[in-house]
Amino acid sequence: MNQLEKPINKVAEITGLFWVMKIIATTLGETLGDFLSMTLNLGYAKGIIITFLFFLLVLSLQLISKKYVPVLYWLVIIGTTTLGTEISDFIDRSLHLGYAAGSILLILCLLTTLYVWFNKFKNLEYYPISERIKEFYFWTAVLFSNSLGTAFGDFLNDNLGLSYLQGALICGCIIIAVILLHYYTKINHVLLFWIAFIFTRPFGATFGDFLTKPLAKGGLDLGTLNASLISILIMIILISISHKKLKPA
């Protein structure tokens, strides 16, 4: 197969920069989701509709794109983290299922998606991805994993009574453990990727709560709008770096 016949990858390479951007994107998803549902008082149902439409728009642009474009890719990630926040809160506060039951439900959705993906392609490789249907499964798994991460983070804070920093510390320790397992064991890298992907969500979410919640609750009381603007600025800088890395030397 010559160079022109090689399929073109559509997703980001998994590097240190990827994980930094994933954490910031999840922080933004948490603060932006709370800004829509609580600060603007739109409620969780309307929040889901708004974030779903945004997610659908950026996902469509990503799927029809012929190559990996960092700004499109990360807009979809942000879309899944924001929509994931609304889904988790809707399950808990509107459906009254609770974060524990919500987490179980989302785990089942994620496992079902991964099962269907594996059944069709006989692997769960997350990089590179060139087939559109595989990319669709990938984004579905991303959405459920980010929703699950949100529910788990809220479970740590609301059900177990941990502070936002304590919740972030627990998730951070799990992420460090996954990194060590990746470099020093032969545990399947796909399994480790999805574990890390899930737990970077509550890590970023609890950090978002730390930025926005009142001082009396252990937060910095920056507000959802200010915290979102800070996260957006950081993401713009990191996405610019990603685009520069794609340019040939």
C-alpha atoms as a PDB file:
ATOM      1  CA  MET A   1       0.000   0.000   0.000  1.00  0.00           C
ATOM      2  CA  ASN A   2       1.467   3.351  -0.991  1.00  0.00           C
ATOM      3  CA  GLN A   3       1.327   6.557   1.060  1.00  0.00           C
ATOM      4  CA  LEU A   4      -1.759   7.867  -0.757  1.00  0.00           C
ATOM      5  CA  GLU A   5      -3.740   4.731   0.092  1.00  0.00           C
ATOM      6  CA  LYS A   6      -3.087   4.837   3.820  1.00  0.00           C
ATOM      7  CA  PRO A   7      -6.188   5.704   5.873  1.00  0.00           C
ATOM      8  CA  ILE A   8      -6.052   9.112   7.538  1.00  0.00           C
ATOM      9  CA  ASN A   9      -6.253   9.190  11.323  1.00  0.00           C
ATOM     10  CA  LYS A  10      -9.071  11.256  12.885  1.00  0.00           C
ATOM     11  CA  VAL A  11      -8.198  11.323  16.601  1.00  0.00           C
ATOM     12  CA  ALA A  12      -5.535  12.771  18.894  1.00  0.00           C
ATOM     13  CA  GLU A  13      -2.361  10.886  19.752  1.00  0.00           C
ATOM     14  CA  ILE A  14      -2.219   9.905  23.421  1.00  0.00           C
ATOM     15  CA  THR A  15       0.599  11.984  24.916  1.00  0.00           C
ATOM     16  CA  GLY A  16       1.216  13.966  28.079  1.00  0.00           C
ATOM     17  CA  LEU A  17      -0.310  17.016  26.401  1.00  0.00           C
ATOM     18  CA  PHE A  18      -3.435  14.968  25.629  1.00  0.00           C
ATOM     19  CA  TRP A  19      -4.023  14.169  29.307  1.00  0.00           C
ATOM     20  CA  VAL A  20      -3.439  17.778  30.399  1.00  0.00           C
ATOM     21  CA  MET A  21      -5.965  18.947  27.823  1.00  0.00           C
ATOM     22  CA  LYS A  22      -8.418  16.216  28.847  1.00  0.00           C
ATOM     23  CA  ILE A  23      -8.316  17.359  32.479  1.00  0.00           C
ATOM     24  CA  ILE A  24      -8.794  21.038  31.569  1.00  0.00           C
ATOM     25  CA  ALA A  25     -11.622  20.083  29.192  1.00  0.00           C
ATOM     26  CA  THR A  26     -13.368  18.187  31.997  1.00  0.00           C
ATOM     27  CA  THR A  27     -12.948  21.151  34.334  1.00  0.00           C
ATOM     28  CA  LEU A  28     -14.564  23.342  31.677  1.00  0.00           C
ATOM     29  CA  GLY A  29     -17.334  20.799  31.142  1.00  0.00           C
ATOM     30  CA  GLU A  30     -18.161  20.844  34.849  1.00  0.00           C
ATOM     31  CA  THR A  31     -18.160  24.619  35.268  1.00  0.00           C
ATOM     32  CA  LEU A  32     -19.928  25.306  31.968  1.00  0.00           C
ATOM     33  CA  GLY A  33     -22.582  22.678  32.660  1.00  0.00           C
ATOM     34  CA  ASP A  34     -23.242  24.159  36.101  1.00  0.00           C
ATOM     35  CA  PHE A  35     -23.305  27.653  34.585  1.00  0.00           C
ATOM     36  CA  LEU A  36     -26.110  26.630  32.219  1.00  0.00           C
ATOM     37  CA  SER A  37     -28.222  24.606  34.633  1.00  0.00           C
ATOM     38  CA  MET A  38     -27.690  26.482  37.898  1.00  0.00           C
ATOM     39  CA  THR A  39     -26.217  29.958  37.359  1.00  0.00           C
ATOM     40  CA  LEU A  40     -28.580  30.709  34.445  1.00  0.00           C
ATOM     41  CA  ASN A  41     -31.256  28.638  36.215  1.00  0.00           C
ATOM     42  CA  LEU A  42     -32.196  26.790  33.031  1.00  0.00           C
ATOM     43  CA  GLY A  43     -32.598  23.477  34.831  1.00  0.00           C
ATOM     44  CA  TYR A  44     -31.148  20.106  33.917  1.00  0.00           C
ATOM     45  CA  ALA A  45     -33.663  19.206  31.178  1.00  0.00           C
ATOM     46  CA  LYS A  46     -33.018  22.423  29.234  1.00  0.00           C
ATOM     47  CA  GLY A  47     -29.300  22.096  29.991  1.00  0.00           C
ATOM     48  CA  ILE A  48     -29.286  18.646  28.382  1.00  0.00           C
ATOM     49  CA  ILE A  49     -31.078  19.948  25.276  1.00  0.00           C
ATOM     50  CA  ILE A  50     -28.626  22.848  24.834  1.00  0.00           C
ATOM     51  CA  THR A  51     -25.503  20.781  25.447  1.00  0.00           C
ATOM     52  CA  PHE A  52     -26.811  17.901  23.312  1.00  0.00           C
ATOM     53  CA  LEU A  53     -27.370  20.238  20.360  1.00  0.00           C
ATOM     54  CA  PHE A  54     -23.849  21.636  20.760  1.00  0.00           C
ATOM     55  CA  PHE A  55     -22.429  18.118  21.038  1.00  0.00           C
ATOM     56  CA  LEU A  56     -24.391  16.996  17.957  1.00  0.00           C
ATOM     57  CA  LEU A  57     -23.112  19.967  15.948  1.00  0.00           C
ATOM     58  CA  VAL A  58     -19.421  19.559  16.782  1.00  0.00           C
ATOM     59  CA  LEU A  59     -19.619  15.759  16.494  1.00  0.00           C
ATOM     60  CA  SER A  60     -21.103  16.088  12.990  1.00  0.00           C
ATOM     61  CA  LEU A  61     -18.281  18.433  11.976  1.00  0.00           C
ATOM     62  CA  GLN A  62     -15.728  16.012  13.441  1.00  0.00           C
ATOM     63  CA  LEU A  63     -17.214  12.981  11.672  1.00  0.00           C
ATOM     64  CA  ILE A  64     -17.332  14.634   8.243  1.00  0.00           C
ATOM     65  CA  SER A  65     -13.815  16.027   8.590  1.00  0.00           C
ATOM     66  CA  LYS A  66     -11.300  14.232   6.386  1.00  0.00           C
ATOM     67  CA  LYS A  67      -8.442  14.436   8.894  1.00  0.00           C
ATOM     68  CA  TYR A  68      -7.570  15.096  12.522  1.00  0.00           C
ATOM     69  CA  VAL A  69      -8.205  18.762  13.330  1.00  0.00           C
ATOM     70  CA  PRO A  70      -7.328  19.557  16.987  1.00  0.00           C
ATOM     71  CA  VAL A  71      -9.904  22.322  17.439  1.00  0.00           C
ATOM     72  CA  LEU A  72     -12.736  20.070  16.195  1.00  0.00           C
ATOM     73  CA  TYR A  73     -11.558  17.087  18.226  1.00  0.00           C
ATOM     74  CA  TRP A  74     -11.330  19.060  21.455  1.00  0.00           C
ATOM     75  CA  LEU A  75     -14.641  20.804  20.890  1.00  0.00           C
ATOM     76  CA  VAL A  76     -16.226  17.341  20.806  1.00  0.00           C
ATOM     77  CA  ILE A  77     -14.389  16.378  24.011  1.00  0.00           C
ATOM     78  CA  ILE A  78     -15.671  19.583  25.653  1.00  0.00           C
ATOM     79  CA  GLY A  79     -19.127  18.776  24.303  1.00  0.00           C
ATOM     80  CA  THR A  80     -19.072  15.327  25.912  1.00  0.00           C
ATOM     81  CA  THR A  81     -17.853  16.670  29.254  1.00  0.00           C
ATOM     82  CA  THR A  82     -20.494  19.417  29.333  1.00  0.00           C
ATOM     83  CA  LEU A  83     -23.288  17.092  28.223  1.00  0.00           C
ATOM     84  CA  GLY A  84     -21.967  14.462  30.638  1.00  0.00           C
ATOM     85  CA  THR A  85     -22.363  16.926  33.513  1.00  0.00           C
ATOM     86  CA  GLU A  86     -25.987  17.570  32.554  1.00  0.00           C
ATOM     87  CA  ILE A  87     -26.745  13.855  32.094  1.00  0.00           C
ATOM     88  CA  SER A  88     -25.288  12.941  35.486  1.00  0.00           C
ATOM     89  CA  ASP A  89     -27.133  15.739  37.287  1.00  0.00           C
ATOM     90  CA  PHE A  90     -30.382  14.930  35.431  1.00  0.00           C
ATOM     91  CA  ILE A  91     -30.179  11.283  36.518  1.00  0.00           C
ATOM     92  CA  ASP A  92     -29.569  12.289  40.137  1.00  0.00           C
ATOM     93  CA  ARG A  93     -31.668  15.416  40.651  1.00  0.00           C
ATOM     94  CA  SER A  94     -34.476  15.099  38.112  1.00  0.00           C
ATOM     95  CA  LEU A  95     -34.922  11.317  37.949  1.00  0.00           C
ATOM     96  CA  HIS A  96     -33.895  10.980  41.641  1.00  0.00           C
ATOM     97  CA  LEU A  97     -31.921   7.793  41.002  1.00  0.00           C
ATOM     98  CA  GLY A  98     -28.898   9.006  42.975  1.00  0.00           C
ATOM     99  CA  TYR A  99     -25.261   9.113  41.936  1.00  0.00           C
ATOM    100  CA  ALA A 100     -24.595   5.489  42.944  1.00  0.00           C
ATOM    101  CA  ALA A 101     -27.411   4.095  40.778  1.00  0.00           C
ATOM    102  CA  GLY A 102     -26.533   6.615  38.067  1.00  0.00           C
ATOM    103  CA  SER A 103     -22.941   5.384  38.066  1.00  0.00           C
ATOM    104  CA  ILE A 104     -24.081   1.772  37.706  1.00  0.00           C
ATOM    105  CA  LEU A 105     -26.400   2.715  34.839  1.00  0.00           C
ATOM    106  CA  LEU A 106     -23.626   4.600  33.038  1.00  0.00           C
ATOM    107  CA  ILE A 107     -21.157   1.738  33.590  1.00  0.00           C
ATOM    108  CA  LEU A 108     -23.629  -0.590  31.861  1.00  0.00           C
ATOM    109  CA  CYS A 109     -24.016   1.871  28.970  1.00  0.00           C
ATOM    110  CA  LEU A 110     -20.242   2.182  28.598  1.00  0.00           C
ATOM    111  CA  LEU A 111     -19.668  -1.582  28.732  1.00  0.00           C
ATOM    112  CA  THR A 112     -22.437  -2.153  26.176  1.00  0.00           C
ATOM    113  CA  THR A 113     -20.844   0.360  23.812  1.00  0.00           C
ATOM    114  CA  LEU A 114     -17.419  -1.229  24.192  1.00  0.00           C
ATOM    115  CA  TYR A 115     -18.917  -4.699  23.673  1.00  0.00           C
ATOM    116  CA  VAL A 116     -20.639  -3.664  20.414  1.00  0.00           C
ATOM    117  CA  TRP A 117     -17.432  -1.929  19.288  1.00  0.00           C
ATOM    118  CA  PHE A 118     -15.326  -5.009  20.017  1.00  0.00           C
ATOM    119  CA  ASN A 119     -17.874  -7.363  18.463  1.00  0.00           C
ATOM    120  CA  LYS A 120     -17.650  -5.449  15.170  1.00  0.00           C
ATOM    121  CA  PHE A 121     -13.914  -4.688  14.960  1.00  0.00           C
ATOM    122  CA  LYS A 122     -12.415  -7.402  17.228  1.00  0.00           C
ATOM    123  CA  ASN A 123     -10.409  -4.739  19.063  1.00  0.00           C
ATOM    124  CA  LEU A 124     -10.877  -1.549  21.071  1.00  0.00           C
ATOM    125  CA  GLU A 125      -7.887   0.356  19.743  1.00  0.00           C
ATOM    126  CA  TYR A 126      -8.395   4.061  20.366  1.00  0.00           C
ATOM    127  CA  TYR A 127      -5.527   5.302  18.166  1.00  0.00           C
ATOM    128  CA  PRO A 128      -5.343   5.620  15.254  1.00  0.00           C
ATOM    129  CA  ILE A 129      -8.983   5.682  14.108  1.00  0.00           C
ATOM    130  CA  SER A 130      -9.869   6.212  10.466  1.00  0.00           C
ATOM    131  CA  GLU A 131     -13.180   4.355   9.976  1.00  0.00           C
ATOM    132  CA  ARG A 132     -16.226   6.562  10.570  1.00  0.00           C
ATOM    133  CA  ILE A 133     -18.279   3.851  12.302  1.00  0.00           C
ATOM    134  CA  LYS A 134     -15.407   3.067  14.677  1.00  0.00           C
ATOM    135  CA  GLU A 135     -15.056   6.762  15.393  1.00  0.00           C
ATOM    136  CA  PHE A 136     -18.786   6.895  16.206  1.00  0.00           C
ATOM    137  CA  TYR A 137     -18.341   4.070  18.738  1.00  0.00           C
ATOM    138  CA  PHE A 138     -15.326   5.898  20.151  1.00  0.00           C
ATOM    139  CA  TRP A 139     -17.285   9.117  20.743  1.00  0.00           C
ATOM    140  CA  THR A 140     -20.216   7.204  22.222  1.00  0.00           C
ATOM    141  CA  ALA A 141     -17.831   5.544  24.683  1.00  0.00           C
ATOM    142  CA  VAL A 142     -16.263   8.936  25.433  1.00  0.00           C
ATOM    143  CA  LEU A 143     -19.684  10.437  26.212  1.00  0.00           C
ATOM    144  CA  PHE A 144     -20.638   7.619  28.573  1.00  0.00           C
ATOM    145  CA  SER A 145     -17.217   7.585  30.253  1.00  0.00           C
ATOM    146  CA  ASN A 146     -17.344  11.344  30.856  1.00  0.00           C
ATOM    147  CA  SER A 147     -20.897  11.070  32.210  1.00  0.00           C
ATOM    148  CA  LEU A 148     -19.745   8.218  34.452  1.00  0.00           C
ATOM    149  CA  GLY A 149     -16.769  10.218  35.657  1.00  0.00           C
ATOM    150  CA  THR A 150     -19.083  13.090  36.599  1.00  0.00           C
ATOM    151  CA  ALA A 151     -21.424  10.804  38.530  1.00  0.00           C
ATOM    152  CA  PHE A 152     -18.515   9.155  40.360  1.00  0.00           C
ATOM    153  CA  GLY A 153     -17.005  12.507  41.326  1.00  0.00           C
ATOM    154  CA  ASP A 154     -20.343  13.709  42.696  1.00  0.00           C
ATOM    155  CA  PHE A 155     -20.729  10.383  44.529  1.00  0.00           C
ATOM    156  CA  LEU A 156     -17.431  10.999  46.317  1.00  0.00           C
ATOM    157  CA  ASN A 157     -18.487  14.499  47.348  1.00  0.00           C
ATOM    158  CA  ASP A 158     -22.205  14.141  48.032  1.00  0.00           C
ATOM    159  CA  ASN A 159     -22.579  10.510  49.137  1.00  0.00           C
ATOM    160  CA  LEU A 160     -19.271   9.930  50.902  1.00  0.00           C
ATOM    161  CA  GLY A 161     -18.980  13.488  52.204  1.00  0.00           C
ATOM    162  CA  LEU A 162     -15.445  14.050  50.923  1.00  0.00           C
ATOM    163  CA  SER A 163     -14.194  17.555  50.198  1.00  0.00           C
ATOM    164  CA  TYR A 164     -13.488  18.564  46.609  1.00  0.00           C
ATOM    165  CA  LEU A 165      -9.740  18.383  47.201  1.00  0.00           C
ATOM    166  CA  GLN A 166     -10.067  14.945  48.822  1.00  0.00           C
ATOM    167  CA  GLY A 167     -12.094  13.706  45.836  1.00  0.00           C
ATOM    168  CA  ALA A 168      -9.518  15.099  43.428  1.00  0.00           C
ATOM    169  CA  LEU A 169      -6.724  13.475  45.463  1.00  0.00           C
ATOM    170  CA  ILE A 170      -8.390  10.047  45.263  1.00  0.00           C
ATOM    171  CA  CYS A 171      -8.890  10.348  41.506  1.00  0.00           C
ATOM    172  CA  GLY A 172      -5.352  11.694  41.104  1.00  0.00           C
ATOM    173  CA  CYS A 173      -3.934   8.690  42.954  1.00  0.00           C
ATOM    174  CA  ILE A 174      -5.867   6.331  40.684  1.00  0.00           C
ATOM    175  CA  ILE A 175      -4.509   8.137  37.617  1.00  0.00           C
ATOM    176  CA  ILE A 176      -0.929   7.896  38.955  1.00  0.00           C
ATOM    177  CA  ALA A 177      -1.470   4.182  39.634  1.00  0.00           C
ATOM    178  CA  VAL A 178      -2.631   3.706  36.026  1.00  0.00           C
ATOM    179  CA  ILE A 179       0.468   5.519  34.738  1.00  0.00           C
ATOM    180  CA  LEU A 180       2.724   3.257  36.803  1.00  0.00           C
ATOM    181  CA  LEU A 181       0.863   0.165  35.608  1.00  0.00           C
ATOM    182  CA  HIS A 182       1.265   1.343  32.020  1.00  0.00           C
ATOM    183  CA  TYR A 183       5.040   1.717  32.269  1.00  0.00           C
ATOM    184  CA  TYR A 184       5.915  -1.129  34.624  1.00  0.00           C
ATOM    185  CA  THR A 185       3.430  -3.908  33.868  1.00  0.00           C
ATOM    186  CA  LYS A 186       2.049  -5.697  30.833  1.00  0.00           C
ATOM    187  CA  ILE A 187      -1.592  -4.954  31.651  1.00  0.00           C
ATOM    188  CA  ASN A 188      -3.598  -4.308  28.482  1.00  0.00           C
ATOM    189  CA  HIS A 189      -3.052  -0.709  27.381  1.00  0.00           C
ATOM    190  CA  VAL A 190      -6.627  -0.361  26.114  1.00  0.00           C
ATOM    191  CA  LEU A 191      -8.016  -1.231  29.556  1.00  0.00           C
ATOM    192  CA  LEU A 192      -5.650   1.236  31.224  1.00  0.00           C
ATOM    193  CA  PHE A 193      -6.594   3.964  28.734  1.00  0.00           C
ATOM    194  CA  TRP A 194     -10.310   3.743  29.499  1.00  0.00           C
ATOM    195  CA  ILE A 195      -9.682   3.619  33.252  1.00  0.00           C
ATOM    196  CA  ALA A 196      -7.538   6.754  33.004  1.00  0.00           C
ATOM    197  CA  PHE A 197     -10.068   8.376  30.678  1.00  0.00           C
ATOM    198  CA  ILE A 198     -12.889   7.788  33.159  1.00  0.00           C
ATOM    199  CA  PHE A 199     -11.006   9.015  36.225  1.00  0.00           C
ATOM    200  CA  THR A 200      -9.588  12.148  34.620  1.00  0.00           C
ATOM    201  CA  ARG A 201     -13.242  13.237  34.386  1.00  0.00           C
ATOM    202  CA  PRO A 202     -13.965  13.330  38.148  1.00  0.00           C
ATOM    203  CA  PHE A 203     -10.447  14.698  38.724  1.00  0.00           C
ATOM    204  CA  GLY A 204     -11.194  17.658  36.461  1.00  0.00           C
ATOM    205  CA  ALA A 205     -14.775  17.922  37.742  1.00  0.00           C
ATOM    206  CA  THR A 206     -13.790  18.079  41.406  1.00  0.00           C
ATOM    207  CA  PHE A 207     -11.207  20.704  40.522  1.00  0.00           C
ATOM    208  CA  GLY A 208     -13.982  22.626  38.763  1.00  0.00           C
ATOM    209  CA  ASP A 209     -16.120  22.388  41.896  1.00  0.00           C
ATOM    210  CA  PHE A 210     -13.151  23.563  43.947  1.00  0.00           C
ATOM    211  CA  LEU A 211     -12.950  26.679  41.763  1.00  0.00           C
ATOM    212  CA  THR A 212     -16.663  27.479  41.837  1.00  0.00           C
ATOM    213  CA  LYS A 213     -18.119  26.385  45.178  1.00  0.00           C
ATOM    214  CA  PRO A 214     -18.432  28.766  48.184  1.00  0.00           C
ATOM    215  CA  LEU A 215     -15.591  29.145  50.677  1.00  0.00           C
ATOM    216  CA  ALA A 216     -17.794  27.558  53.350  1.00  0.00           C
ATOM    217  CA  LYS A 217     -17.926  24.360  51.272  1.00  0.00           C
ATOM    218  CA  GLY A 218     -14.174  24.271  50.643  1.00  0.00           C
ATOM    219  CA  GLY A 219     -14.169  26.055  47.284  1.00  0.00           C
ATOM    220  CA  LEU A 220     -12.574  29.242  45.980  1.00  0.00           C
ATOM    221  CA  ASP A 221     -15.939  30.869  45.132  1.00  0.00           C
ATOM    222  CA  LEU A 222     -14.835  32.084  41.676  1.00  0.00           C
ATOM    223  CA  GLY A 223     -18.253  31.370  40.233  1.00  0.00           C
ATOM    224  CA  THR A 224     -19.114  29.180  37.270  1.00  0.00           C
ATOM    225  CA  LEU A 225     -18.695  31.979  34.698  1.00  0.00           C
ATOM    226  CA  ASN A 226     -15.218  33.080  35.822  1.00  0.00           C
ATOM    227  CA  ALA A 227     -14.012  29.482  36.193  1.00  0.00           C
ATOM    228  CA  SER A 228     -15.354  28.658  32.704  1.00  0.00           C
ATOM    229  CA  LEU A 229     -13.635  31.673  31.151  1.00  0.00           C
ATOM    230  CA  ILE A 230     -10.320  30.711  32.768  1.00  0.00           C
ATOM    231  CA  SER A 231     -10.660  27.127  31.493  1.00  0.00           C
ATOM    232  CA  ILE A 232     -11.601  28.345  27.988  1.00  0.00           C
ATOM    233  CA  LEU A 233      -8.502  30.554  27.864  1.00  0.00           C
ATOM    234  CA  ILE A 234      -6.253  27.654  28.900  1.00  0.00           C
ATOM    235  CA  MET A 235      -7.878  25.364  26.312  1.00  0.00           C
ATOM    236  CA  ILE A 236      -7.361  27.937  23.541  1.00  0.00           C
ATOM    237  CA  ILE A 237      -3.661  28.074  24.389  1.00  0.00           C
ATOM    238  CA  LEU A 238      -3.322  24.273  24.495  1.00  0.00           C
ATOM    239  CA  ILE A 239      -5.280  23.776  21.247  1.00  0.00           C
ATOM    240  CA  SER A 240      -3.002  26.325  19.563  1.00  0.00           C
ATOM    241  CA  ILE A 241      -0.002  24.292  20.730  1.00  0.00           C
ATOM    242  CA  SER A 242      -1.633  21.132  19.299  1.00  0.00           C
ATOM    243  CA  HIS A 243      -2.101  22.769  15.900  1.00  0.00           C
ATOM    244  CA  LYS A 244       1.510  23.942  15.849  1.00  0.00           C
ATOM    245  CA  LYS A 245       2.717  20.416  16.597  1.00  0.00           C
ATOM    246  CA  LEU A 246       0.946  19.195  13.441  1.00  0.00           C
ATOM    247  CA  LYS A 247       2.894  21.529  11.204  1.00  0.00           C
ATOM    248  CA  PRO A 248       5.926  19.957   9.476  1.00  0.00           C
ATOM    249  CA  ALA A 249       9.278  21.147  10.789  1.00  0.00           C
END
